[in-house]
C-alpha atoms as a PDB file:
ATOM      1  CA  UNK A   1      86.141 124.738-170.249  1.00  0.00           C
ATOM      2  CA  UNK A   2      84.373 121.528-169.347  1.00  0.00           C
ATOM      3  CA  UNK A   3      80.570 121.215-168.938  1.00  0.00           C
ATOM      4  CA  UNK A   4      79.430 120.626-165.212  1.00  0.00           C
ATOM      5  CA  UNK A   5      76.581 118.126-164.823  1.00  0.00           C
ATOM      6  CA  UNK A   6      74.762 117.017-167.927  1.00  0.00           C
ATOM      7  CA  UNK A   7      73.032 113.887-169.096  1.00  0.00           C
ATOM      8  CA  UNK A   8      76.360 112.324-170.007  1.00  0.00           C
ATOM      9  CA  UNK A   9      77.101 111.995-166.217  1.00  0.00           C
ATOM     10  CA  UNK A  10      75.386 108.593-166.509  1.00  0.00           C
ATOM     11  CA  UNK A  11      78.707 107.202-167.767  1.00  0.00           C
ATOM     12  CA  UNK A  12      80.346 107.995-164.384  1.00  0.00           C
ATOM     13  CA  UNK A  13      77.739 106.660-162.159  1.00  0.00           C
ATOM     14  CA  UNK A  14      79.223 103.059-161.803  1.00  0.00           C
ATOM     15  CA  UNK A  15      82.347 104.315-160.281  1.00  0.00           C
ATOM     16  CA  UNK A  16      80.514 106.726-158.023  1.00  0.00           C
ATOM     17  CA  UNK A  17      78.357 103.856-156.810  1.00  0.00           C
ATOM     18  CA  UNK A  18      81.221 101.729-155.865  1.00  0.00           C
ATOM     19  CA  UNK A  19      83.027 104.476-154.159  1.00  0.00           C
ATOM     20  CA  UNK A  20      79.925 105.440-152.245  1.00  0.00           C
ATOM     21  CA  UNK A  21      79.035 102.169-150.460  1.00  0.00           C
ATOM     22  CA  UNK A  22      80.171 103.599-147.062  1.00  0.00           C
ATOM     23  CA  UNK A  23      77.986 106.622-147.378  1.00  0.00           C
ATOM     24  CA  UNK A  24      74.553 105.119-148.555  1.00  0.00           C
ATOM     25  CA  UNK A  25      71.445 107.322-148.015  1.00  0.00           C
ATOM     26  CA  UNK A  26      67.803 107.043-148.978  1.00  0.00           C
ATOM     27  CA  UNK A  27      66.536 108.311-152.278  1.00  0.00           C
ATOM     28  CA  UNK A  28      64.932 111.700-151.848  1.00  0.00           C
ATOM     29  CA  UNK A  29      62.015 113.322-153.861  1.00  0.00           C
ATOM     30  CA  UNK A  30      60.144 116.466-153.097  1.00  0.00           C
ATOM     31  CA  UNK A  31      56.718 116.102-151.680  1.00  0.00           C
ATOM     32  CA  UNK A  32      53.563 118.170-152.457  1.00  0.00           C
ATOM     33  CA  UNK A  33      52.985 120.996-150.004  1.00  0.00           C
ATOM     34  CA  UNK A  34      49.990 121.048-147.623  1.00  0.00           C
ATOM     35  CA  UNK A  35      48.416 123.963-149.357  1.00  0.00           C
ATOM     36  CA  UNK A  36      45.478 123.434-151.864  1.00  0.00           C
ATOM     37  CA  UNK A  37      44.796 126.581-153.805  1.00  0.00           C
ATOM     38  CA  UNK A  38      44.240 127.714-157.443  1.00  0.00           C
ATOM     39  CA  UNK A  39      47.568 128.200-159.066  1.00  0.00           C
ATOM     40  CA  UNK A  40      48.213 131.793-160.171  1.00  0.00           C
ATOM     41  CA  UNK A  41      50.755 134.054-161.886  1.00  0.00           C
ATOM     42  CA  UNK A  42      52.238 136.897-159.979  1.00  0.00           C
ATOM     43  CA  UNK A  43      54.551 139.610-161.273  1.00  0.00           C
ATOM     44  CA  UNK A  44      57.741 137.676-160.343  1.00  0.00           C
ATOM     45  CA  UNK A  45      56.425 134.242-159.395  1.00  0.00           C
ATOM     46  CA  UNK A  46      54.312 131.385-160.488  1.00  0.00           C
ATOM     47  CA  UNK A  47      52.425 130.180-157.469  1.00  0.00           C
ATOM     48  CA  UNK A  48      51.583 126.474-157.890  1.00  0.00           C
ATOM     49  CA  UNK A  49      48.473 124.615-156.529  1.00  0.00           C
ATOM     50  CA  UNK A  50      50.299 123.376-153.573  1.00  0.00           C
ATOM     51  CA  UNK A  51      51.845 126.717-152.659  1.00  0.00           C
ATOM     52  CA  UNK A  52      55.190 126.415-154.320  1.00  0.00           C
ATOM     53  CA  UNK A  53      56.826 129.766-155.232  1.00  0.00           C
ATOM     54  CA  UNK A  54      58.597 129.366-158.576  1.00  0.00           C
ATOM     55  CA  UNK A  55      60.629 132.507-159.454  1.00  0.00           C
ATOM     56  CA  UNK A  56      59.323 134.028-162.748  1.00  0.00           C
ATOM     57  CA  UNK A  57      60.794 136.350-165.322  1.00  0.00           C
ATOM     58  CA  UNK A  58      58.683 138.055-168.158  1.00  0.00           C
ATOM     59  CA  UNK A  59      60.016 139.585-171.184  1.00  0.00           C
ATOM     60  CA  UNK A  60      57.380 142.035-172.992  1.00  0.00           C
ATOM     61  CA  UNK A  61      57.486 143.778-176.290  1.00  0.00           C
ATOM     62  CA  UNK A  62      58.363 147.404-175.848  1.00  0.00           C
ATOM     63  CA  UNK A  63      55.338 148.473-177.564  1.00  0.00           C
ATOM     64  CA  UNK A  64      51.754 147.346-178.142  1.00  0.00           C
ATOM     65  CA  UNK A  65      50.209 143.957-177.387  1.00  0.00           C
ATOM     66  CA  UNK A  66      52.170 140.870-177.944  1.00  0.00           C
ATOM     67  CA  UNK A  67      51.586 139.057-181.233  1.00  0.00           C
ATOM     68  CA  UNK A  68      52.299 135.754-179.481  1.00  0.00           C
ATOM     69  CA  UNK A  69      52.978 134.410-176.002  1.00  0.00           C
ATOM     70  CA  UNK A  70      55.639 131.695-175.058  1.00  0.00           C
ATOM     71  CA  UNK A  71      56.186 129.687-171.988  1.00  0.00           C
ATOM     72  CA  UNK A  72      59.910 128.522-171.786  1.00  0.00           C
ATOM     73  CA  UNK A  73      61.037 125.692-169.712  1.00  0.00           C
ATOM     74  CA  UNK A  74      64.820 125.428-169.016  1.00  0.00           C
ATOM     75  CA  UNK A  75      67.019 122.530-168.977  1.00  0.00           C
ATOM     76  CA  UNK A  76      68.495 120.167-166.204  1.00  0.00           C
ATOM     77  CA  UNK A  77      70.445 122.177-163.445  1.00  0.00           C
ATOM     78  CA  UNK A  78      69.774 125.338-165.138  1.00  0.00           C
ATOM     79  CA  UNK A  79      67.112 128.023-164.395  1.00  0.00           C
ATOM     80  CA  UNK A  80      65.003 130.750-166.176  1.00  0.00           C
ATOM     81  CA  UNK A  81      67.910 133.000-167.003  1.00  0.00           C
ATOM     82  CA  UNK A  82      68.828 130.412-169.719  1.00  0.00           C
ATOM     83  CA  UNK A  83      66.197 132.192-171.996  1.00  0.00           C
ATOM     84  CA  UNK A  84      67.485 135.706-171.476  1.00  0.00           C
ATOM     85  CA  UNK A  85      69.015 136.091-174.935  1.00  0.00           C
ATOM     86  CA  UNK A  86      66.145 134.200-176.610  1.00  0.00           C
ATOM     87  CA  UNK A  87      63.487 136.234-174.725  1.00  0.00           C
ATOM     88  CA  UNK A  88      65.203 139.508-175.670  1.00  0.00           C
ATOM     89  CA  UNK A  89      65.251 138.482-179.417  1.00  0.00           C
ATOM     90  CA  UNK A  90      61.721 137.330-179.246  1.00  0.00           C
ATOM     91  CA  UNK A  91      60.343 140.357-177.355  1.00  0.00           C
ATOM     92  CA  UNK A  92      61.886 142.611-180.035  1.00  0.00           C
ATOM     93  CA  UNK A  93      59.735 140.717-182.479  1.00  0.00           C
ATOM     94  CA  UNK A  94      56.628 141.255-180.563  1.00  0.00           C
ATOM     95  CA  UNK A  95      56.547 138.012-178.566  1.00  0.00           C
ATOM     96  CA  UNK A  96      55.979 137.962-174.854  1.00  0.00           C
ATOM     97  CA  UNK A  97      58.131 135.262-173.020  1.00  0.00           C
ATOM     98  CA  UNK A  98      57.474 133.779-169.690  1.00  0.00           C
ATOM     99  CA  UNK A  99      60.108 131.505-167.877  1.00  0.00           C
ATOM    100  CA  UNK A 100      60.026 130.234-164.348  1.00  0.00           C
ATOM    101  CA  UNK A 101      62.606 128.165-162.417  1.00  0.00           C
ATOM    102  CA  UNK A 102      61.123 124.622-162.404  1.00  0.00           C
ATOM    103  CA  UNK A 103      60.921 122.826-158.948  1.00  0.00           C
ATOM    104  CA  UNK A 104      64.264 121.750-157.692  1.00  0.00           C
ATOM    105  CA  UNK A 105      66.295 124.312-159.766  1.00  0.00           C
ATOM    106  CA  UNK A 106      67.218 127.946-159.622  1.00  0.00           C
ATOM    107  CA  UNK A 107      65.730 129.872-156.750  1.00  0.00           C
ATOM    108  CA  UNK A 108      63.060 127.343-155.760  1.00  0.00           C
ATOM    109  CA  UNK A 109      62.719 125.572-152.344  1.00  0.00           C
ATOM    110  CA  UNK A 110      64.514 122.129-151.983  1.00  0.00           C
ATOM    111  CA  UNK A 111      66.803 123.059-154.618  1.00  0.00           C
ATOM    112  CA  UNK A 112      68.739 120.029-155.857  1.00  0.00           C
ATOM    113  CA  UNK A 113      66.061 117.605-154.841  1.00  0.00           C
ATOM    114  CA  UNK A 114      64.327 116.013-157.841  1.00  0.00           C
ATOM    115  CA  UNK A 115      60.697 116.974-157.671  1.00  0.00           C
ATOM    116  CA  UNK A 116      59.136 114.079-159.712  1.00  0.00           C
ATOM    117  CA  UNK A 117      57.868 113.864-163.348  1.00  0.00           C
ATOM    118  CA  UNK A 118      54.410 114.485-162.350  1.00  0.00           C
ATOM    119  CA  UNK A 119      55.125 117.730-160.550  1.00  0.00           C
ATOM    120  CA  UNK A 120      57.190 119.101-163.480  1.00  0.00           C
ATOM    121  CA  UNK A 121      54.697 118.188-166.077  1.00  0.00           C
ATOM    122  CA  UNK A 122      51.594 119.333-164.138  1.00  0.00           C
ATOM    123  CA  UNK A 123      53.229 122.653-163.325  1.00  0.00           C
ATOM    124  CA  UNK A 124      53.722 123.182-166.970  1.00  0.00           C
ATOM    125  CA  UNK A 125      50.152 122.407-167.938  1.00  0.00           C
ATOM    126  CA  UNK A 126      48.747 124.586-165.157  1.00  0.00           C
ATOM    127  CA  UNK A 127      50.992 127.575-166.332  1.00  0.00           C
ATOM    128  CA  UNK A 128      49.706 127.040-169.952  1.00  0.00           C
ATOM    129  CA  UNK A 129      46.073 127.390-168.611  1.00  0.00           C
ATOM    130  CA  UNK A 130      46.918 130.586-166.713  1.00  0.00           C
ATOM    131  CA  UNK A 131      48.532 132.041-169.850  1.00  0.00           C
ATOM    132  CA  UNK A 132      45.668 131.102-172.138  1.00  0.00           C
ATOM    133  CA  UNK A 133      43.342 132.865-169.527  1.00  0.00           C
ATOM    134  CA  UNK A 134      45.461 135.952-169.351  1.00  0.00           C
ATOM    135  CA  UNK A 135      45.927 136.049-173.223  1.00  0.00           C
ATOM    136  CA  UNK A 136      42.723 134.678-174.635  1.00  0.00           C
ATOM    137  CA  UNK A 137      43.049 136.202-178.132  1.00  0.00           C
ATOM    138  CA  UNK A 138      46.692 135.657-178.506  1.00  0.00           C
ATOM    139  CA  UNK A 139      48.545 132.402-179.777  1.00  0.00           C
ATOM    140  CA  UNK A 140      50.202 130.568-176.923  1.00  0.00           C
ATOM    141  CA  UNK A 141      53.297 128.405-177.378  1.00  0.00           C
ATOM    142  CA  UNK A 142      55.334 125.974-175.229  1.00  0.00           C
ATOM    143  CA  UNK A 143      59.229 126.162-175.672  1.00  0.00           C
ATOM    144  CA  UNK A 144      61.246 123.461-173.976  1.00  0.00           C
ATOM    145  CA  UNK A 145      65.151 123.202-173.814  1.00  0.00           C
ATOM    146  CA  UNK A 146      66.651 119.784-173.191  1.00  0.00           C
ATOM    147  CA  UNK A 147      65.102 118.530-169.981  1.00  0.00           C
ATOM    148  CA  UNK A 148      62.367 121.397-170.462  1.00  0.00           C
ATOM    149  CA  UNK A 149      61.820 119.854-173.906  1.00  0.00           C
ATOM    150  CA  UNK A 150      61.039 116.465-172.085  1.00  0.00           C
ATOM    151  CA  UNK A 151      58.659 118.231-169.608  1.00  0.00           C
ATOM    152  CA  UNK A 152      57.127 119.904-172.638  1.00  0.00           C
ATOM    153  CA  UNK A 153      56.397 116.594-174.360  1.00  0.00           C
ATOM    154  CA  UNK A 154      54.878 115.231-171.221  1.00  0.00           C
ATOM    155  CA  UNK A 155      52.679 118.241-170.797  1.00  0.00           C
ATOM    156  CA  UNK A 156      51.383 117.987-174.344  1.00  0.00           C
ATOM    157  CA  UNK A 157      50.833 114.248-174.539  1.00  0.00           C
ATOM    158  CA  UNK A 158      48.888 113.896-171.281  1.00  0.00           C
ATOM    159  CA  UNK A 159      45.050 114.018-171.321  1.00  0.00           C
ATOM    160  CA  UNK A 160      43.161 116.200-171.625  1.00  0.00           C
ATOM    161  CA  UNK A 161      45.485 117.911-174.178  1.00  0.00           C
ATOM    162  CA  UNK A 162      46.240 121.512-173.207  1.00  0.00           C
ATOM    163  CA  UNK A 163      44.957 124.329-175.391  1.00  0.00           C
ATOM    164  CA  UNK A 164      48.203 125.367-177.041  1.00  0.00           C
ATOM    165  CA  UNK A 165      49.026 126.692-180.582  1.00  0.00           C
ATOM    166  CA  UNK A 166      52.296 124.990-180.949  1.00  0.00           C
ATOM    167  CA  UNK A 167      55.524 123.838-179.385  1.00  0.00           C
ATOM    168  CA  UNK A 168      59.283 124.412-179.918  1.00  0.00           C
ATOM    169  CA  UNK A 169      61.523 121.578-178.685  1.00  0.00           C
ATOM    170  CA  UNK A 170      65.094 122.547-178.503  1.00  0.00           C
ATOM    171  CA  UNK A 171      67.460 119.458-178.295  1.00  0.00           C
ATOM    172  CA  UNK A 172      64.750 117.708-176.240  1.00  0.00           C
ATOM    173  CA  UNK A 173      65.943 115.099-173.517  1.00  0.00           C
ATOM    174  CA  UNK A 174      64.590 111.907-175.012  1.00  0.00           C
ATOM    175  CA  UNK A 175      67.618 109.835-173.927  1.00  0.00           C
ATOM    176  CA  UNK A 176      65.296 107.206-172.436  1.00  0.00           C
ATOM    177  CA  UNK A 177      66.703 104.087-170.675  1.00  0.00           C
ATOM    178  CA  UNK A 178      65.974 101.857-173.604  1.00  0.00           C
ATOM    179  CA  UNK A 179      68.265 103.974-175.718  1.00  0.00           C
ATOM    180  CA  UNK A 180      71.158 103.880-173.264  1.00  0.00           C
ATOM    181  CA  UNK A 181      74.053 101.484-173.412  1.00  0.00           C
ATOM    182  CA  UNK A 182      73.762  98.626-170.934  1.00  0.00           C
ATOM    183  CA  UNK A 183      76.622  99.962-168.701  1.00  0.00           C
ATOM    184  CA  UNK A 184      74.729 103.200-168.241  1.00  0.00           C
ATOM    185  CA  UNK A 185      71.662 101.624-167.395  1.00  0.00           C
ATOM    186  CA  UNK A 186      73.411  99.374-164.959  1.00  0.00           C
ATOM    187  CA  UNK A 187      75.338 102.302-163.426  1.00  0.00           C
ATOM    188  CA  UNK A 188      72.229 104.315-162.955  1.00  0.00           C
ATOM    189  CA  UNK A 189      70.403 101.335-161.538  1.00  0.00           C
ATOM    190  CA  UNK A 190      73.289 100.644-159.015  1.00  0.00           C
ATOM    191  CA  UNK A 191      73.966 104.299-158.100  1.00  0.00           C
ATOM    192  CA  UNK A 192      70.344 105.208-157.398  1.00  0.00           C
ATOM    193  CA  UNK A 193      70.151 102.154-154.979  1.00  0.00           C
ATOM    194  CA  UNK A 194      73.494 102.137-153.354  1.00  0.00           C
ATOM    195  CA  UNK A 195      74.255 105.791-153.114  1.00  0.00           C
ATOM    196  CA  UNK A 196      71.356 107.965-154.081  1.00  0.00           C
ATOM    197  CA  UNK A 197      72.321 111.021-152.145  1.00  0.00           C
ATOM    198  CA  UNK A 198      75.889 111.189-153.415  1.00  0.00           C
ATOM    199  CA  UNK A 199      76.618 114.216-155.600  1.00  0.00           C
ATOM    200  CA  UNK A 200      78.458 113.527-158.905  1.00  0.00           C
ATOM    201  CA  UNK A 201      79.851 115.936-161.426  1.00  0.00           C
ATOM    202  CA  UNK A 202      80.320 115.957-165.130  1.00  0.00           C
ATOM    203  CA  UNK A 203      83.763 117.659-165.226  1.00  0.00           C
ATOM    204  CA  UNK A 204      86.552 115.673-166.734  1.00  0.00           C
ATOM    205  CA  UNK A 205      84.199 113.923-169.301  1.00  0.00           C
ATOM    206  CA  UNK A 206      85.511 116.068-172.232  1.00  0.00           C
ATOM    207  CA  UNK A 207      81.980 117.037-173.163  1.00  0.00           C
ATOM    208  CA  UNK A 208      81.583 120.111-175.268  1.00  0.00           C
ATOM    209  CA  UNK A 209      78.116 121.608-174.802  1.00  0.00           C
ATOM    210  CA  UNK A 210      78.630 124.666-176.788  1.00  0.00           C
ATOM    211  CA  UNK A 211      81.277 126.625-178.967  1.00  0.00           C
ATOM    212  CA  UNK A 212      80.609 129.754-176.966  1.00  0.00           C
ATOM    213  CA  UNK A 213      83.316 129.531-174.346  1.00  0.00           C
ATOM    214  CA  UNK A 214      82.814 132.924-172.874  1.00  0.00           C
ATOM    215  CA  UNK A 215      79.145 132.307-172.246  1.00  0.00           C
ATOM    216  CA  UNK A 216      79.905 128.786-170.785  1.00  0.00           C
ATOM    217  CA  UNK A 217      82.472 130.375-168.496  1.00  0.00           C
ATOM    218  CA  UNK A 218      79.858 132.804-167.085  1.00  0.00           C
ATOM    219  CA  UNK A 219      77.297 130.031-166.821  1.00  0.00           C
ATOM    220  CA  UNK A 220      79.669 127.738-165.002  1.00  0.00           C
ATOM    221  CA  UNK A 221      80.244 130.512-162.443  1.00  0.00           C
ATOM    222  CA  UNK A 222      76.578 131.312-161.925  1.00  0.00           C
ATOM    223  CA  UNK A 223      75.771 130.524-158.478  1.00  0.00           C
ATOM    224  CA  UNK A 224      72.087 129.601-159.467  1.00  0.00           C
ATOM    225  CA  UNK A 225      73.298 126.790-161.683  1.00  0.00           C
ATOM    226  CA  UNK A 226      73.562 123.468-159.993  1.00  0.00           C
ATOM    227  CA  UNK A 227      77.069 122.038-160.165  1.00  0.00           C
ATOM    228  CA  UNK A 228      76.787 118.882-158.157  1.00  0.00           C
ATOM    229  CA  UNK A 229      73.862 116.524-158.841  1.00  0.00           C
ATOM    230  CA  UNK A 230      72.440 113.771-156.633  1.00  0.00           C
ATOM    231  CA  UNK A 231      72.355 110.424-158.257  1.00  0.00           C
ATOM    232  CA  UNK A 232      68.697 110.056-157.412  1.00  0.00           C
ATOM    233  CA  UNK A 233      68.027 113.287-159.440  1.00  0.00           C
ATOM    234  CA  UNK A 234      69.677 111.700-162.444  1.00  0.00           C
ATOM    235  CA  UNK A 235      67.501 108.745-162.004  1.00  0.00           C
ATOM    236  CA  UNK A 236      64.478 110.968-161.910  1.00  0.00           C
ATOM    237  CA  UNK A 237      65.728 112.686-165.087  1.00  0.00           C
ATOM    238  CA  UNK A 238      65.783 109.196-166.581  1.00  0.00           C
ATOM    239  CA  UNK A 239      62.113 108.516-165.550  1.00  0.00           C
ATOM    240  CA  UNK A 240      61.139 111.807-167.251  1.00  0.00           C
ATOM    241  CA  UNK A 241      63.110 111.040-170.428  1.00  0.00           C
ATOM    242  CA  UNK A 242      61.403 107.487-170.539  1.00  0.00           C
ATOM    243  CA  UNK A 243      57.999 109.204-170.478  1.00  0.00           C
ATOM    244  CA  UNK A 244      58.977 111.763-173.056  1.00  0.00           C
ATOM    245  CA  UNK A 245      60.023 109.319-175.679  1.00  0.00           C
ATOM    246  CA  UNK A 246      57.165 107.085-175.007  1.00  0.00           C
ATOM    247  CA  UNK A 247      54.835 109.988-175.573  1.00  0.00           C
ATOM    248  CA  UNK A 248      56.174 111.145-178.934  1.00  0.00           C
ATOM    249  CA  UNK A 249      53.782 109.011-181.073  1.00  0.00           C
ATOM    250  CA  UNK A 250      50.985 110.896-179.352  1.00  0.00           C
ATOM    251  CA  UNK A 251      52.315 114.441-179.936  1.00  0.00           C
ATOM    252  CA  UNK A 252      49.549 116.015-181.813  1.00  0.00           C
ATOM    253  CA  UNK A 253      50.617 119.613-181.302  1.00  0.00           C
ATOM    254  CA  UNK A 254      52.283 121.320-184.201  1.00  0.00           C
ATOM    255  CA  UNK A 255      56.013 121.429-183.316  1.00  0.00           C
ATOM    256  CA  UNK A 256      59.262 122.711-184.368  1.00  0.00           C
ATOM    257  CA  UNK A 257      62.215 120.508-183.350  1.00  0.00           C
ATOM    258  CA  UNK A 258      65.716 121.764-183.285  1.00  0.00           C
ATOM    259  CA  UNK A 259      68.944 119.738-183.016  1.00  0.00           C
ATOM    260  CA  UNK A 260      72.654 120.509-183.398  1.00  0.00           C
ATOM    261  CA  UNK A 261      74.782 118.002-185.288  1.00  0.00           C
ATOM    262  CA  UNK A 262      77.549 118.477-182.685  1.00  0.00           C
ATOM    263  CA  UNK A 263      75.340 117.671-179.693  1.00  0.00           C
ATOM    264  CA  UNK A 264      77.267 115.559-177.326  1.00  0.00           C
ATOM    265  CA  UNK A 265      74.829 115.781-174.496  1.00  0.00           C
ATOM    266  CA  UNK A 266      71.642 114.337-176.073  1.00  0.00           C
ATOM    267  CA  UNK A 267      73.083 111.544-178.499  1.00  0.00           C
ATOM    268  CA  UNK A 268      71.834 111.336-182.016  1.00  0.00           C
ATOM    269  CA  UNK A 269      70.526 107.800-181.669  1.00  0.00           C
ATOM    270  CA  UNK A 270      67.692 108.703-179.162  1.00  0.00           C
ATOM    271  CA  UNK A 271      67.087 111.901-181.147  1.00  0.00           C
ATOM    272  CA  UNK A 272      66.604 109.717-184.330  1.00  0.00           C
ATOM    273  CA  UNK A 273      64.331 107.432-182.440  1.00  0.00           C
ATOM    274  CA  UNK A 274      62.178 110.429-181.500  1.00  0.00           C
ATOM    275  CA  UNK A 275      62.011 111.583-185.092  1.00  0.00           C
ATOM    276  CA  UNK A 276      61.010 108.137-186.413  1.00  0.00           C
ATOM    277  CA  UNK A 277      58.429 107.888-183.659  1.00  0.00           C
ATOM    278  CA  UNK A 278      56.682 111.226-184.441  1.00  0.00           C
ATOM    279  CA  UNK A 279      53.106 111.123-185.817  1.00  0.00           C
ATOM    280  CA  UNK A 280      53.133 110.231-189.587  1.00  0.00           C
ATOM    281  CA  UNK A 281      51.432 113.360-190.765  1.00  0.00           C
ATOM    282  CA  UNK A 282      54.313 115.732-191.667  1.00  0.00           C
ATOM    283  CA  UNK A 283      52.167 118.784-191.190  1.00  0.00           C
ATOM    284  CA  UNK A 284      52.279 118.265-187.513  1.00  0.00           C
ATOM    285  CA  UNK A 285      56.013 118.916-187.162  1.00  0.00           C
ATOM    286  CA  UNK A 286      59.130 120.455-188.732  1.00  0.00           C
ATOM    287  CA  UNK A 287      62.796 119.709-187.995  1.00  0.00           C
ATOM    288  CA  UNK A 288      65.822 121.828-188.179  1.00  0.00           C
ATOM    289  CA  UNK A 289      69.356 120.455-188.127  1.00  0.00           C
ATOM    290  CA  UNK A 290      72.133 122.881-187.530  1.00  0.00           C
ATOM    291  CA  UNK A 291      75.345 121.580-189.064  1.00  0.00           C
ATOM    292  CA  UNK A 292      77.479 123.871-186.601  1.00  0.00           C
ATOM    293  CA  UNK A 293      75.185 123.550-183.583  1.00  0.00           C
ATOM    294  CA  UNK A 294      75.944 122.079-180.193  1.00  0.00           C
ATOM    295  CA  UNK A 295      73.613 121.215-177.316  1.00  0.00           C
ATOM    296  CA  UNK A 296      73.212 124.834-176.059  1.00  0.00           C
ATOM    297  CA  UNK A 297      71.693 125.901-179.484  1.00  0.00           C
ATOM    298  CA  UNK A 298      70.280 129.150-178.593  1.00  0.00           C
ATOM    299  CA  UNK A 299      73.540 130.155-176.710  1.00  0.00           C
ATOM    300  CA  UNK A 300      76.035 128.877-179.210  1.00  0.00           C
ATOM    301  CA  UNK A 301      78.173 131.410-181.335  1.00  0.00           C
ATOM    302  CA  UNK A 302      75.438 130.914-183.904  1.00  0.00           C
ATOM    303  CA  UNK A 303      72.726 131.271-181.414  1.00  0.00           C
ATOM    304  CA  UNK A 304      71.162 134.286-182.987  1.00  0.00           C
ATOM    305  CA  UNK A 305      70.467 132.178-186.165  1.00  0.00           C
ATOM    306  CA  UNK A 306      68.572 129.567-184.018  1.00  0.00           C
ATOM    307  CA  UNK A 307      66.764 132.247-182.049  1.00  0.00           C
ATOM    308  CA  UNK A 308      65.657 133.925-185.278  1.00  0.00           C
ATOM    309  CA  UNK A 309      64.253 130.629-186.534  1.00  0.00           C
ATOM    310  CA  UNK A 310      62.210 130.213-183.300  1.00  0.00           C
ATOM    311  CA  UNK A 311      60.788 133.644-183.505  1.00  0.00           C
ATOM    312  CA  UNK A 312      59.935 133.394-187.278  1.00  0.00           C
ATOM    313  CA  UNK A 313      58.109 130.097-186.742  1.00  0.00           C
ATOM    314  CA  UNK A 314      56.218 131.391-183.528  1.00  0.00           C
ATOM    315  CA  UNK A 315      54.955 134.403-185.640  1.00  0.00           C
ATOM    316  CA  UNK A 316      54.132 132.332-188.719  1.00  0.00           C
ATOM    317  CA  UNK A 317      54.172 128.521-188.473  1.00  0.00           C
ATOM    318  CA  UNK A 318      54.065 128.328-192.337  1.00  0.00           C
ATOM    319  CA  UNK A 319      56.978 130.615-192.790  1.00  0.00           C
ATOM    320  CA  UNK A 320      60.310 129.453-194.178  1.00  0.00           C
ATOM    321  CA  UNK A 321      62.939 129.355-191.554  1.00  0.00           C
ATOM    322  CA  UNK A 322      65.405 132.173-192.215  1.00  0.00           C
ATOM    323  CA  UNK A 323      68.431 129.938-191.481  1.00  0.00           C
ATOM    324  CA  UNK A 324      67.582 127.525-194.277  1.00  0.00           C
ATOM    325  CA  UNK A 325      68.442 124.743-191.937  1.00  0.00           C
ATOM    326  CA  UNK A 326      65.144 122.849-192.219  1.00  0.00           C
ATOM    327  CA  UNK A 327      65.679 119.154-192.601  1.00  0.00           C
ATOM    328  CA  UNK A 328      62.223 117.645-192.129  1.00  0.00           C
ATOM    329  CA  UNK A 329      62.404 115.350-194.996  1.00  0.00           C
ATOM    330  CA  UNK A 330      65.914 115.979-196.507  1.00  0.00           C
ATOM    331  CA  UNK A 331      69.085 113.887-197.140  1.00  0.00           C
ATOM    332  CA  UNK A 332      70.693 115.870-194.220  1.00  0.00           C
ATOM    333  CA  UNK A 333      68.211 114.245-191.817  1.00  0.00           C
ATOM    334  CA  UNK A 334      68.851 110.863-193.338  1.00  0.00           C
ATOM    335  CA  UNK A 335      72.535 111.346-193.011  1.00  0.00           C
ATOM    336  CA  UNK A 336      72.237 112.233-189.261  1.00  0.00           C
ATOM    337  CA  UNK A 337      69.994 109.249-188.613  1.00  0.00           C
ATOM    338  CA  UNK A 338      71.861 106.617-190.828  1.00  0.00           C
ATOM    339  CA  UNK A 339      72.943 104.535-187.856  1.00  0.00           C
ATOM    340  CA  UNK A 340      72.072 100.902-186.717  1.00  0.00           C
ATOM    341  CA  UNK A 341      68.631 100.965-184.987  1.00  0.00           C
ATOM    342  CA  UNK A 342      68.711 101.133-181.392  1.00  0.00           C
ATOM    343  CA  UNK A 343      67.452  97.836-179.955  1.00  0.00           C
ATOM    344  CA  UNK A 344      64.552  97.731-177.606  1.00  0.00           C
ATOM    345  CA  UNK A 345      65.785  96.908-174.082  1.00  0.00           C
ATOM    346  CA  UNK A 346      64.074  96.181-170.807  1.00  0.00           C
ATOM    347  CA  UNK A 347      64.226  98.856-168.246  1.00  0.00           C
ATOM    348  CA  UNK A 348      66.660  97.991-165.470  1.00  0.00           C
ATOM    349  CA  UNK A 349      65.271 100.277-162.752  1.00  0.00           C
END
């Protein structure tokens, strides 16, 4: 089973650009709506300041008040259902989880059209404010998976810093342009200018995003998951990843960062660049490296182990992770990142 569109699709863009010269179109990006209002949370939707209706799912503890609240941000081309298993496990432990379809994905308007970094980041910041107002006496956390991790970093490192108790970054998308090989940067530059509207797919690249084949089969058949991605959307994702990696030195929120050694979607080089650029105070962040983990960490065959770590940390940030996979300052982290340094490169787009 091959992964549909992932970050690795950048490697196919040069060919797509060449083949698309006869079908050029203009880059597209969503525009803010005409409505100006206070953002709000409804039972099944997050209504933004400009009137966007973002479908929302909420998982609540079966009994009693929540011990913690989590806002979960899904990955590229995915949608809120990505957190179903995670949220079910967390709610069983007393955590209330909110997940909405980010603009351009899932059940939102203008699906497939990139909404822009600012819109994604500011939506997350607004949702955090609403959750803090709704749960004034409960710890509030931000959880971001892949692209959602990049959005979370952007939300946490812009000023003013949001009032949040911690963040969980699951395989965060920090594959910024300056960490890409030259041919991928060149392909992205060409494709976004010559054929921005052409849809490309990641099938045939041999990328294995998870070892959970049954889950992946269901996921690839889910009509809410985007299968073909516009090249200008990939360029927009690269802009988001640029900001995320640039923001890492300013990440003052206490964070748990999770990564799988077998991740073929977000390479280890940019991940190690992220780790090396984190604030120097080790009390601000912890890192877990899953030896058998892939990119879809929480949905891998060992996903229950990862989900248990997330729940344990959210409920007690000083607790030892149940998996024993913490590698904040260990030889395992050094082994992961024992690669030649990635040279700084000028953006090509």
